[in-house]
Amino acid sequence: MEAYHGNGDVISNMDKLILSKQFMWKVYVDIVIQQYGGNILDAIFIAVKAALLDTRITHLALVAQDEGKFNIECGESTETNFFRLEAANAPLSISVNQIGKSIAVDCTEVEEALLRTSLWVVLDQPENERTADDCVRLRVVKQMFAGGMDPRSIPAMLDLAVRCGRKLHAAVNARLEEIRNEGDCNFPGKSFFVE
């Protein structure tokens, strides 16, 4: 998940997490895998983006005390006294797999068992729909399995990753926006995938 760090361009309001040199918020995202059906890394990136966008962090104030100590004060209502992380620019992952001489994305568990090798590509959301494919920022490009990879297939694999990444970013953003517009959806049974 190092692709989320970078130079502050992923979470644009990261400075709000720092209260002082000694006090800061640490944000953890726990991933629970309930069922494995293949393509797990790509699913994890979607889950992390959704979790970061849904995270509420309470505004706190530091009040100086004697001997360099601080008191942490919190407003009366944590329901209204919060901010959200601006993580709309969070990258997503596309795993491009080589099965025999073919390349494929979104492989099932059975298809993953047949992989020769895989190229893991983490890419940023394009600035807009007119952004050229060669201008989309790739944060990570890494071969995932030890199988041999024909260097001549890498450009086609990267091209497929960028094309699929564009569609994935658009679909994920549309669904997250839909959920956000519905208001508070913190009730049992609500899911990212529910239509």
N, C-alpha and C. Protein backbone atom coordinates (compact mmCIF):
# COMPACT_ATOMS: atom_id res chain seq x y z
N MET A 1 0.81 -1.19 0.00
CA MET A 1 0.00 0.00 0.00
C MET A 1 0.86 1.26 0.00
N GLU A 2 2.15 1.12 -0.24
CA GLU A 2 3.01 2.30 -0.27
C GLU A 2 2.59 3.29 -1.33
N ALA A 3 1.84 2.84 -2.32
CA ALA A 3 1.39 3.75 -3.38
C ALA A 3 0.51 4.86 -2.83
N TYR A 4 -0.01 4.70 -1.62
CA TYR A 4 -0.85 5.73 -1.04
C TYR A 4 -0.03 6.84 -0.40
N HIS A 5 1.24 6.67 -0.22
CA HIS A 5 2.01 7.69 0.47
C HIS A 5 2.39 8.80 -0.49
N GLY A 6 3.49 8.75 -1.12
CA GLY A 6 3.84 9.76 -2.11
C GLY A 6 4.07 11.13 -1.49
N ASN A 7 3.78 12.18 -2.26
CA ASN A 7 4.12 13.54 -1.83
C ASN A 7 2.89 14.35 -1.43
N GLY A 8 1.87 13.73 -0.90
CA GLY A 8 0.69 14.45 -0.43
C GLY A 8 -0.35 14.70 -1.50
N ASP A 9 -0.17 14.13 -2.67
CA ASP A 9 -1.14 14.37 -3.74
C ASP A 9 -2.29 13.36 -3.72
N VAL A 10 -2.21 12.35 -2.89
CA VAL A 10 -3.29 11.37 -2.82
C VAL A 10 -4.36 11.85 -1.84
N ILE A 11 -3.97 12.18 -0.63
CA ILE A 11 -4.90 12.75 0.35
C ILE A 11 -4.52 14.22 0.48
N SER A 12 -5.29 15.08 -0.17
CA SER A 12 -4.89 16.49 -0.29
C SER A 12 -5.00 17.27 1.01
N ASN A 13 -5.80 16.82 1.96
CA ASN A 13 -5.89 17.53 3.24
C ASN A 13 -5.17 16.78 4.36
N MET A 14 -4.07 16.14 4.02
CA MET A 14 -3.28 15.37 4.98
C MET A 14 -2.79 16.24 6.14
N ASP A 15 -2.57 17.54 5.91
CA ASP A 15 -2.08 18.42 6.96
C ASP A 15 -3.06 18.52 8.13
N LYS A 16 -4.34 18.26 7.91
CA LYS A 16 -5.32 18.29 9.00
C LYS A 16 -5.11 17.15 10.00
N LEU A 17 -4.38 16.12 9.59
CA LEU A 17 -4.11 15.00 10.48
C LEU A 17 -3.01 15.30 11.48
N ILE A 18 -2.26 16.38 11.24
CA ILE A 18 -1.14 16.73 12.10
C ILE A 18 -1.57 17.87 13.02
N LEU A 19 -1.62 17.58 14.33
CA LEU A 19 -2.01 18.59 15.31
C LEU A 19 -0.80 19.38 15.79
N SER A 20 0.32 18.73 15.94
CA SER A 20 1.58 19.37 16.34
C SER A 20 2.70 18.40 15.98
N LYS A 21 3.91 18.75 16.36
CA LYS A 21 5.04 17.84 16.09
C LYS A 21 4.92 16.55 16.88
N GLN A 22 4.20 16.60 17.99
CA GLN A 22 4.08 15.44 18.86
C GLN A 22 2.76 14.69 18.72
N PHE A 23 1.74 15.36 18.20
CA PHE A 23 0.41 14.76 18.14
C PHE A 23 -0.11 14.75 16.71
N MET A 24 -0.52 13.57 16.28
CA MET A 24 -1.10 13.47 14.94
C MET A 24 -2.02 12.25 14.90
N TRP A 25 -2.94 12.31 13.97
CA TRP A 25 -3.82 11.17 13.74
C TRP A 25 -3.07 10.14 12.91
N LYS A 26 -3.24 8.88 13.26
CA LYS A 26 -2.76 7.78 12.44
C LYS A 26 -3.99 7.07 11.92
N VAL A 27 -4.07 6.91 10.62
CA VAL A 27 -5.24 6.28 10.01
C VAL A 27 -4.85 4.88 9.54
N TYR A 28 -5.58 3.90 10.03
CA TYR A 28 -5.37 2.51 9.62
C TYR A 28 -6.62 2.04 8.88
N VAL A 29 -6.43 1.26 7.87
CA VAL A 29 -7.55 0.63 7.17
C VAL A 29 -7.34 -0.87 7.29
N ASP A 30 -8.24 -1.52 8.01
CA ASP A 30 -8.19 -2.98 8.15
C ASP A 30 -9.00 -3.60 7.02
N ILE A 31 -8.43 -4.58 6.39
CA ILE A 31 -9.11 -5.28 5.31
C ILE A 31 -9.48 -6.68 5.80
N VAL A 32 -10.74 -7.02 5.70
CA VAL A 32 -11.22 -8.35 6.06
C VAL A 32 -11.65 -9.05 4.78
N ILE A 33 -11.00 -10.14 4.47
CA ILE A 33 -11.34 -10.90 3.27
C ILE A 33 -12.29 -12.01 3.67
N GLN A 34 -13.53 -11.88 3.25
CA GLN A 34 -14.55 -12.86 3.64
C GLN A 34 -14.62 -14.02 2.66
N GLN A 35 -14.26 -13.76 1.42
CA GLN A 35 -14.28 -14.82 0.42
C GLN A 35 -13.26 -14.48 -0.64
N TYR A 36 -12.46 -15.45 -1.03
CA TYR A 36 -11.46 -15.21 -2.05
C TYR A 36 -11.96 -15.77 -3.37
N GLY A 37 -12.08 -14.88 -4.34
CA GLY A 37 -12.52 -15.30 -5.66
C GLY A 37 -11.55 -14.89 -6.73
N GLY A 38 -10.33 -14.52 -6.34
CA GLY A 38 -9.34 -14.06 -7.28
C GLY A 38 -9.28 -12.55 -7.32
N ASN A 39 -8.21 -12.03 -7.92
CA ASN A 39 -8.06 -10.59 -8.14
C ASN A 39 -8.11 -9.79 -6.85
N ILE A 40 -7.45 -10.26 -5.82
CA ILE A 40 -7.59 -9.69 -4.48
C ILE A 40 -6.95 -8.31 -4.35
N LEU A 41 -5.79 -8.07 -4.97
CA LEU A 41 -5.14 -6.77 -4.84
C LEU A 41 -5.99 -5.64 -5.39
N ASP A 42 -6.61 -5.86 -6.52
CA ASP A 42 -7.45 -4.83 -7.12
C ASP A 42 -8.64 -4.53 -6.21
N ALA A 43 -9.22 -5.56 -5.62
CA ALA A 43 -10.35 -5.38 -4.71
C ALA A 43 -9.93 -4.62 -3.45
N ILE A 44 -8.73 -4.89 -2.96
CA ILE A 44 -8.23 -4.20 -1.77
C ILE A 44 -8.09 -2.71 -2.04
N PHE A 45 -7.57 -2.33 -3.19
CA PHE A 45 -7.42 -0.91 -3.51
C PHE A 45 -8.77 -0.20 -3.56
N ILE A 46 -9.78 -0.87 -4.12
CA ILE A 46 -11.12 -0.28 -4.15
C ILE A 46 -11.65 -0.10 -2.72
N ALA A 47 -11.44 -1.12 -1.89
CA ALA A 47 -11.91 -1.05 -0.50
C ALA A 47 -11.22 0.07 0.27
N VAL A 48 -9.92 0.23 0.07
CA VAL A 48 -9.18 1.28 0.77
C VAL A 48 -9.66 2.66 0.33
N LYS A 49 -9.85 2.85 -0.96
CA LYS A 49 -10.34 4.15 -1.45
C LYS A 49 -11.71 4.45 -0.84
N ALA A 50 -12.61 3.48 -0.85
CA ALA A 50 -13.94 3.68 -0.27
C ALA A 50 -13.85 3.98 1.22
N ALA A 51 -12.99 3.26 1.93
CA ALA A 51 -12.85 3.48 3.37
C ALA A 51 -12.30 4.87 3.67
N LEU A 52 -11.28 5.29 2.93
CA LEU A 52 -10.71 6.62 3.17
C LEU A 52 -11.72 7.72 2.90
N LEU A 53 -12.51 7.57 1.85
CA LEU A 53 -13.51 8.60 1.53
C LEU A 53 -14.63 8.63 2.56
N ASP A 54 -14.88 7.52 3.24
CA ASP A 54 -15.96 7.45 4.22
C ASP A 54 -15.50 7.77 5.64
N THR A 55 -14.20 7.91 5.84
CA THR A 55 -13.65 8.13 7.18
C THR A 55 -13.99 9.52 7.70
N ARG A 56 -14.46 9.57 8.94
CA ARG A 56 -14.72 10.84 9.62
C ARG A 56 -13.69 10.98 10.74
N ILE A 57 -13.03 12.12 10.79
CA ILE A 57 -12.03 12.36 11.82
C ILE A 57 -12.45 13.58 12.62
N THR A 58 -12.52 13.42 13.93
CA THR A 58 -12.98 14.48 14.82
C THR A 58 -11.95 15.61 14.89
N HIS A 59 -12.45 16.85 14.80
CA HIS A 59 -11.58 18.02 15.00
C HIS A 59 -11.18 18.06 16.47
N LEU A 60 -9.90 18.22 16.72
CA LEU A 60 -9.38 18.31 18.09
C LEU A 60 -8.59 19.60 18.24
N ALA A 61 -8.48 20.06 19.47
CA ALA A 61 -7.66 21.24 19.76
C ALA A 61 -6.66 20.87 20.85
N LEU A 62 -5.44 21.35 20.71
CA LEU A 62 -4.42 21.14 21.73
C LEU A 62 -4.35 22.39 22.60
N VAL A 63 -4.44 22.20 23.91
CA VAL A 63 -4.36 23.31 24.86
C VAL A 63 -3.10 23.10 25.68
N ALA A 64 -2.20 24.10 25.62
CA ALA A 64 -0.92 24.00 26.33
C ALA A 64 -1.14 23.99 27.84
N GLN A 65 -0.40 23.15 28.53
CA GLN A 65 -0.43 23.05 29.99
C GLN A 65 0.97 23.35 30.51
N ASP A 66 1.17 23.16 31.79
CA ASP A 66 2.48 23.39 32.40
C ASP A 66 3.50 22.36 31.93
N GLU A 67 4.76 22.75 31.97
CA GLU A 67 5.90 21.87 31.69
C GLU A 67 5.84 21.23 30.31
N GLY A 68 5.36 21.96 29.32
CA GLY A 68 5.35 21.47 27.94
C GLY A 68 4.35 20.38 27.64
N LYS A 69 3.41 20.17 28.53
CA LYS A 69 2.37 19.16 28.31
C LYS A 69 1.16 19.81 27.65
N PHE A 70 0.32 18.96 27.05
CA PHE A 70 -0.86 19.43 26.35
C PHE A 70 -2.09 18.66 26.80
N ASN A 71 -3.21 19.32 26.75
CA ASN A 71 -4.51 18.67 26.90
C ASN A 71 -5.14 18.62 25.53
N ILE A 72 -5.79 17.53 25.23
CA ILE A 72 -6.50 17.42 23.95
C ILE A 72 -7.97 17.65 24.23
N GLU A 73 -8.54 18.64 23.53
CA GLU A 73 -9.95 18.97 23.72
C GLU A 73 -10.73 18.62 22.47
N CYS A 74 -11.91 18.09 22.72
CA CYS A 74 -12.80 17.69 21.63
C CYS A 74 -14.12 18.44 21.79
N GLY A 75 -14.70 18.87 20.68
CA GLY A 75 -15.99 19.56 20.72
C GLY A 75 -17.06 18.65 21.32
N GLU A 76 -18.18 19.26 21.70
CA GLU A 76 -19.24 18.50 22.35
C GLU A 76 -19.87 17.46 21.44
N SER A 77 -20.05 17.80 20.18
CA SER A 77 -20.72 16.87 19.28
C SER A 77 -19.74 16.30 18.27
N THR A 78 -19.47 15.02 18.40
CA THR A 78 -18.60 14.38 17.41
C THR A 78 -19.36 14.05 16.14
N GLU A 79 -20.69 14.20 16.18
CA GLU A 79 -21.50 13.96 14.98
C GLU A 79 -21.37 15.09 13.96
N THR A 80 -21.07 16.29 14.44
CA THR A 80 -20.94 17.44 13.52
C THR A 80 -19.54 18.02 13.51
N ASN A 81 -18.74 17.70 14.49
CA ASN A 81 -17.40 18.28 14.62
C ASN A 81 -16.35 17.35 14.01
N PHE A 82 -16.41 17.16 12.71
CA PHE A 82 -15.48 16.25 12.05
C PHE A 82 -15.14 16.76 10.66
N PHE A 83 -14.12 16.17 10.08
CA PHE A 83 -13.80 16.42 8.68
C PHE A 83 -13.59 15.07 8.00
N ARG A 84 -13.69 15.07 6.70
CA ARG A 84 -13.46 13.85 5.92
C ARG A 84 -12.13 13.99 5.17
N LEU A 85 -11.51 12.87 4.93
CA LEU A 85 -10.30 12.87 4.13
C LEU A 85 -10.66 13.10 2.67
N GLU A 86 -9.87 13.91 2.00
CA GLU A 86 -10.08 14.17 0.58
C GLU A 86 -9.20 13.19 -0.21
N ALA A 87 -9.73 12.00 -0.41
CA ALA A 87 -8.96 10.92 -1.03
C ALA A 87 -9.51 10.53 -2.39
N ALA A 88 -10.17 11.46 -3.05
CA ALA A 88 -10.74 11.16 -4.37
C ALA A 88 -9.66 10.81 -5.38
N ASN A 89 -8.44 11.28 -5.15
CA ASN A 89 -7.33 11.01 -6.06
C ASN A 89 -6.61 9.70 -5.75
N ALA A 90 -7.16 8.90 -4.86
CA ALA A 90 -6.50 7.65 -4.50
C ALA A 90 -6.33 6.76 -5.73
N PRO A 91 -5.15 6.17 -5.89
CA PRO A 91 -4.92 5.30 -7.05
C PRO A 91 -5.65 3.97 -6.91
N LEU A 92 -5.82 3.31 -8.03
CA LEU A 92 -6.40 1.97 -8.04
C LEU A 92 -5.41 1.02 -8.71
N SER A 93 -5.61 -0.25 -8.48
CA SER A 93 -4.70 -1.28 -8.98
C SER A 93 -5.40 -2.09 -10.07
N ILE A 94 -4.63 -2.42 -11.08
CA ILE A 94 -5.08 -3.33 -12.13
C ILE A 94 -4.01 -4.41 -12.26
N SER A 95 -4.41 -5.65 -12.09
CA SER A 95 -3.50 -6.77 -12.29
C SER A 95 -3.73 -7.32 -13.69
N VAL A 96 -2.70 -7.24 -14.52
CA VAL A 96 -2.79 -7.75 -15.89
C VAL A 96 -2.04 -9.08 -15.89
N ASN A 97 -2.75 -10.13 -16.24
CA ASN A 97 -2.22 -11.48 -16.10
C ASN A 97 -1.91 -12.10 -17.46
N GLN A 98 -0.86 -12.90 -17.47
CA GLN A 98 -0.48 -13.62 -18.68
C GLN A 98 -0.83 -15.09 -18.46
N ILE A 99 -1.77 -15.56 -19.27
CA ILE A 99 -2.17 -16.97 -19.22
C ILE A 99 -1.82 -17.54 -20.59
N GLY A 100 -0.79 -18.36 -20.62
CA GLY A 100 -0.29 -18.82 -21.92
C GLY A 100 0.23 -17.62 -22.69
N LYS A 101 -0.27 -17.42 -23.91
CA LYS A 101 0.14 -16.27 -24.71
C LYS A 101 -0.88 -15.13 -24.65
N SER A 102 -1.93 -15.31 -23.88
CA SER A 102 -2.99 -14.30 -23.77
C SER A 102 -2.79 -13.46 -22.53
N ILE A 103 -3.34 -12.24 -22.57
CA ILE A 103 -3.33 -11.38 -21.39
C ILE A 103 -4.78 -11.13 -20.98
N ALA A 104 -5.00 -11.02 -19.66
CA ALA A 104 -6.36 -10.87 -19.15
C ALA A 104 -6.33 -10.06 -17.85
N VAL A 105 -7.45 -9.42 -17.55
CA VAL A 105 -7.61 -8.72 -16.28
C VAL A 105 -8.80 -9.35 -15.55
N ASP A 106 -8.89 -9.06 -14.26
CA ASP A 106 -10.00 -9.51 -13.43
C ASP A 106 -10.17 -11.03 -13.47
N CYS A 107 -9.07 -11.73 -13.23
CA CYS A 107 -9.09 -13.19 -13.28
C CYS A 107 -9.77 -13.79 -12.05
N THR A 108 -10.40 -14.91 -12.27
CA THR A 108 -11.00 -15.66 -11.17
C THR A 108 -9.91 -16.45 -10.47
N GLU A 109 -10.28 -17.09 -9.38
CA GLU A 109 -9.33 -17.91 -8.63
C GLU A 109 -8.81 -19.06 -9.49
N VAL A 110 -9.67 -19.66 -10.28
CA VAL A 110 -9.27 -20.77 -11.16
C VAL A 110 -8.31 -20.26 -12.22
N GLU A 111 -8.61 -19.12 -12.83
CA GLU A 111 -7.73 -18.55 -13.86
C GLU A 111 -6.38 -18.17 -13.27
N GLU A 112 -6.38 -17.66 -12.02
CA GLU A 112 -5.11 -17.30 -11.38
C GLU A 112 -4.21 -18.51 -11.19
N ALA A 113 -4.79 -19.68 -11.00
CA ALA A 113 -4.00 -20.90 -10.83
C ALA A 113 -3.25 -21.26 -12.11
N LEU A 114 -3.71 -20.75 -13.25
CA LEU A 114 -3.09 -21.05 -14.54
C LEU A 114 -2.10 -19.97 -15.00
N LEU A 115 -1.91 -18.93 -14.20
CA LEU A 115 -1.08 -17.80 -14.61
C LEU A 115 0.36 -18.20 -14.85
N ARG A 116 0.92 -17.61 -15.89
CA ARG A 116 2.36 -17.72 -16.10
C ARG A 116 3.05 -16.62 -15.31
N THR A 117 2.51 -15.42 -15.40
CA THR A 117 3.03 -14.29 -14.64
C THR A 117 1.97 -13.20 -14.62
N SER A 118 2.23 -12.17 -13.85
CA SER A 118 1.26 -11.09 -13.71
C SER A 118 2.01 -9.76 -13.57
N LEU A 119 1.44 -8.73 -14.15
CA LEU A 119 1.99 -7.38 -14.03
C LEU A 119 1.02 -6.58 -13.19
N TRP A 120 1.50 -6.07 -12.06
CA TRP A 120 0.68 -5.30 -11.14
C TRP A 120 0.91 -3.83 -11.45
N VAL A 121 -0.16 -3.11 -11.80
CA VAL A 121 -0.06 -1.71 -12.19
C VAL A 121 -0.97 -0.89 -11.28
N VAL A 122 -0.38 0.07 -10.57
CA VAL A 122 -1.15 1.00 -9.74
C VAL A 122 -1.13 2.34 -10.46
N LEU A 123 -2.33 2.84 -10.78
CA LEU A 123 -2.38 4.07 -11.55
C LEU A 123 -3.32 5.08 -10.94
N ASP A 124 -2.95 6.35 -11.17
CA ASP A 124 -3.77 7.47 -10.71
C ASP A 124 -5.00 7.61 -11.56
N GLN A 125 -5.94 8.32 -11.01
CA GLN A 125 -7.13 8.68 -11.77
C GLN A 125 -6.70 9.70 -12.83
N PRO A 126 -7.10 9.53 -14.08
CA PRO A 126 -6.77 10.54 -15.09
C PRO A 126 -7.39 11.89 -14.71
N GLU A 127 -6.70 12.98 -15.07
CA GLU A 127 -7.21 14.32 -14.72
C GLU A 127 -8.60 14.55 -15.28
N ASN A 128 -8.84 14.09 -16.50
CA ASN A 128 -10.17 14.17 -17.10
C ASN A 128 -10.26 13.09 -18.17
N GLU A 129 -11.41 12.96 -18.78
CA GLU A 129 -11.59 11.88 -19.76
C GLU A 129 -10.80 12.09 -21.04
N ARG A 130 -10.32 13.30 -21.26
CA ARG A 130 -9.53 13.58 -22.47
C ARG A 130 -8.03 13.40 -22.26
N THR A 131 -7.63 13.08 -21.05
CA THR A 131 -6.22 12.85 -20.78
C THR A 131 -5.75 11.66 -21.60
N ALA A 132 -4.67 11.86 -22.33
CA ALA A 132 -4.12 10.78 -23.17
C ALA A 132 -3.64 9.63 -22.29
N ASP A 133 -3.73 8.42 -22.83
CA ASP A 133 -3.30 7.25 -22.07
C ASP A 133 -1.85 7.35 -21.61
N ASP A 134 -0.99 7.92 -22.45
CA ASP A 134 0.42 8.00 -22.06
C ASP A 134 0.69 9.11 -21.05
N CYS A 135 -0.34 9.87 -20.66
CA CYS A 135 -0.20 10.91 -19.63
C CYS A 135 -0.78 10.49 -18.29
N VAL A 136 -1.35 9.28 -18.21
CA VAL A 136 -1.87 8.77 -16.94
C VAL A 136 -0.68 8.34 -16.10
N ARG A 137 -0.63 8.81 -14.86
CA ARG A 137 0.51 8.52 -13.99
C ARG A 137 0.43 7.10 -13.43
N LEU A 138 1.48 6.34 -13.65
CA LEU A 138 1.61 5.00 -13.10
C LEU A 138 2.47 5.10 -11.84
N ARG A 139 1.95 4.68 -10.71
CA ARG A 139 2.69 4.77 -9.45
C ARG A 139 3.56 3.53 -9.22
N VAL A 140 3.05 2.37 -9.59
CA VAL A 140 3.78 1.11 -9.40
C VAL A 140 3.57 0.24 -10.63
N VAL A 141 4.64 -0.33 -11.13
CA VAL A 141 4.57 -1.36 -12.16
C VAL A 141 5.52 -2.46 -11.68
N LYS A 142 4.96 -3.63 -11.40
CA LYS A 142 5.78 -4.67 -10.79
C LYS A 142 5.32 -6.04 -11.27
N GLN A 143 6.28 -6.89 -11.62
CA GLN A 143 5.96 -8.27 -11.96
C GLN A 143 5.69 -9.02 -10.66
N MET A 144 4.59 -9.75 -10.63
CA MET A 144 4.15 -10.37 -9.38
C MET A 144 4.56 -11.82 -9.19
N PHE A 145 4.70 -12.58 -10.24
CA PHE A 145 5.04 -13.99 -10.09
C PHE A 145 6.35 -14.26 -10.81
N ALA A 146 7.00 -15.34 -10.44
CA ALA A 146 8.34 -15.62 -10.95
C ALA A 146 8.35 -16.14 -12.38
N GLY A 147 7.21 -16.42 -12.96
CA GLY A 147 7.17 -16.95 -14.32
C GLY A 147 7.79 -15.99 -15.32
N GLY A 148 8.25 -16.53 -16.44
CA GLY A 148 8.88 -15.70 -17.45
C GLY A 148 7.88 -14.78 -18.15
N MET A 149 8.32 -13.56 -18.41
CA MET A 149 7.48 -12.59 -19.10
C MET A 149 8.20 -12.14 -20.35
N ASP A 150 7.53 -12.25 -21.47
CA ASP A 150 8.09 -11.79 -22.73
C ASP A 150 8.10 -10.26 -22.71
N PRO A 151 9.28 -9.64 -22.80
CA PRO A 151 9.36 -8.18 -22.76
C PRO A 151 8.51 -7.51 -23.84
N ARG A 152 8.29 -8.21 -24.95
CA ARG A 152 7.48 -7.63 -26.03
C ARG A 152 6.01 -7.51 -25.65
N SER A 153 5.58 -8.25 -24.62
CA SER A 153 4.17 -8.19 -24.22
C SER A 153 3.89 -7.06 -23.21
N ILE A 154 4.94 -6.48 -22.65
CA ILE A 154 4.75 -5.45 -21.62
C ILE A 154 3.99 -4.22 -22.13
N PRO A 155 4.30 -3.66 -23.31
CA PRO A 155 3.52 -2.50 -23.77
C PRO A 155 2.02 -2.81 -23.91
N ALA A 156 1.68 -3.99 -24.41
CA ALA A 156 0.26 -4.35 -24.54
C ALA A 156 -0.38 -4.52 -23.16
N MET A 157 0.38 -5.06 -22.20
CA MET A 157 -0.14 -5.22 -20.84
C MET A 157 -0.37 -3.87 -20.18
N LEU A 158 0.57 -2.94 -20.36
CA LEU A 158 0.41 -1.60 -19.79
C LEU A 158 -0.76 -0.87 -20.44
N ASP A 159 -0.90 -1.02 -21.75
CA ASP A 159 -2.02 -0.38 -22.45
C ASP A 159 -3.35 -0.91 -21.92
N LEU A 160 -3.45 -2.22 -21.74
CA LEU A 160 -4.67 -2.81 -21.20
C LEU A 160 -4.93 -2.31 -19.78
N ALA A 161 -3.88 -2.20 -18.97
CA ALA A 161 -4.03 -1.71 -17.60
C ALA A 161 -4.57 -0.29 -17.58
N VAL A 162 -4.05 0.57 -18.44
CA VAL A 162 -4.50 1.97 -18.47
C VAL A 162 -5.95 2.05 -18.94
N ARG A 163 -6.28 1.32 -19.99
CA ARG A 163 -7.67 1.35 -20.49
C ARG A 163 -8.65 0.83 -19.44
N CYS A 164 -8.30 -0.28 -18.80
CA CYS A 164 -9.18 -0.83 -17.76
C CYS A 164 -9.19 0.07 -16.52
N GLY A 165 -8.03 0.65 -16.21
CA GLY A 165 -7.94 1.55 -15.06
C GLY A 165 -8.83 2.76 -15.20
N ARG A 166 -8.89 3.32 -16.40
CA ARG A 166 -9.79 4.46 -16.66
C ARG A 166 -11.24 4.08 -16.35
N LYS A 167 -11.65 2.92 -16.87
CA LYS A 167 -13.03 2.46 -16.67
C LYS A 167 -13.30 2.15 -15.20
N LEU A 168 -12.31 1.54 -14.53
CA LEU A 168 -12.48 1.20 -13.12
C LEU A 168 -12.59 2.46 -12.27
N HIS A 169 -11.72 3.44 -12.51
CA HIS A 169 -11.80 4.71 -11.78
C HIS A 169 -13.17 5.34 -11.96
N ALA A 170 -13.65 5.39 -13.19
CA ALA A 170 -14.95 6.01 -13.47
C ALA A 170 -16.08 5.27 -12.75
N ALA A 171 -16.06 3.94 -12.80
CA ALA A 171 -17.12 3.14 -12.16
C ALA A 171 -17.08 3.27 -10.64
N VAL A 172 -15.89 3.19 -10.06
CA VAL A 172 -15.75 3.30 -8.60
C VAL A 172 -16.18 4.69 -8.14
N ASN A 173 -15.71 5.73 -8.82
CA ASN A 173 -16.08 7.09 -8.43
C ASN A 173 -17.58 7.32 -8.54
N ALA A 174 -18.19 6.81 -9.60
CA ALA A 174 -19.64 6.97 -9.77
C ALA A 174 -20.40 6.28 -8.64
N ARG A 175 -19.98 5.07 -8.30
CA ARG A 175 -20.67 4.34 -7.22
C ARG A 175 -20.46 5.01 -5.87
N LEU A 176 -19.24 5.47 -5.59
CA LEU A 176 -18.98 6.15 -4.31
C LEU A 176 -19.76 7.45 -4.22
N GLU A 177 -19.87 8.17 -5.31
CA GLU A 177 -20.65 9.42 -5.33
C GLU A 177 -22.13 9.11 -5.10
N GLU A 178 -22.61 8.05 -5.71
CA GLU A 178 -24.00 7.64 -5.52
C GLU A 178 -24.28 7.32 -4.06
N ILE A 179 -23.37 6.59 -3.43
CA ILE A 179 -23.52 6.24 -2.02
C ILE A 179 -23.48 7.49 -1.16
N ARG A 180 -22.55 8.38 -1.44
CA ARG A 180 -22.42 9.62 -0.66
C ARG A 180 -23.67 10.48 -0.79
N ASN A 181 -24.26 10.54 -1.98
CA ASN A 181 -25.46 11.35 -2.20
C ASN A 181 -26.69 10.77 -1.52
N GLU A 182 -26.67 9.47 -1.25
CA GLU A 182 -27.80 8.84 -0.55
C GLU A 182 -27.82 9.22 0.91
N GLY A 183 -26.77 9.86 1.39
CA GLY A 183 -26.72 10.25 2.80
C GLY A 183 -26.08 9.15 3.62
N ASP A 184 -26.51 9.09 4.87
CA ASP A 184 -25.93 8.12 5.80
C ASP A 184 -26.39 6.71 5.43
N CYS A 185 -25.44 5.88 5.03
CA CYS A 185 -25.80 4.51 4.63
C CYS A 185 -25.11 3.51 5.54
N ASN A 186 -25.03 3.85 6.82
CA ASN A 186 -24.39 2.96 7.78
C ASN A 186 -25.42 2.04 8.43
N PHE A 187 -26.08 1.24 7.64
CA PHE A 187 -27.00 0.27 8.21
C PHE A 187 -26.68 -1.10 7.64
N PRO A 188 -26.99 -2.16 8.40
CA PRO A 188 -26.62 -3.51 7.98
C PRO A 188 -27.16 -3.84 6.59
N GLY A 189 -26.33 -4.49 5.82
CA GLY A 189 -26.74 -4.93 4.50
C GLY A 189 -26.38 -3.97 3.40
N LYS A 190 -25.98 -2.76 3.74
CA LYS A 190 -25.61 -1.78 2.71
C LYS A 190 -24.20 -2.11 2.24
N SER A 191 -24.03 -2.13 0.97
CA SER A 191 -22.75 -2.53 0.41
C SER A 191 -22.38 -1.65 -0.75
N PHE A 192 -21.11 -1.61 -1.05
CA PHE A 192 -20.62 -0.89 -2.22
C PHE A 192 -21.26 -1.44 -3.48
N PHE A 193 -21.55 -2.74 -3.50
CA PHE A 193 -22.02 -3.40 -4.70
C PHE A 193 -23.54 -3.42 -4.85
N VAL A 194 -24.27 -3.04 -3.82
CA VAL A 194 -25.73 -3.10 -3.87
C VAL A 194 -26.24 -2.04 -4.83
N GLU A 195 -27.13 -2.42 -5.71
CA GLU A 195 -27.73 -1.47 -6.66
C GLU A 195 -29.03 -0.96 -6.10
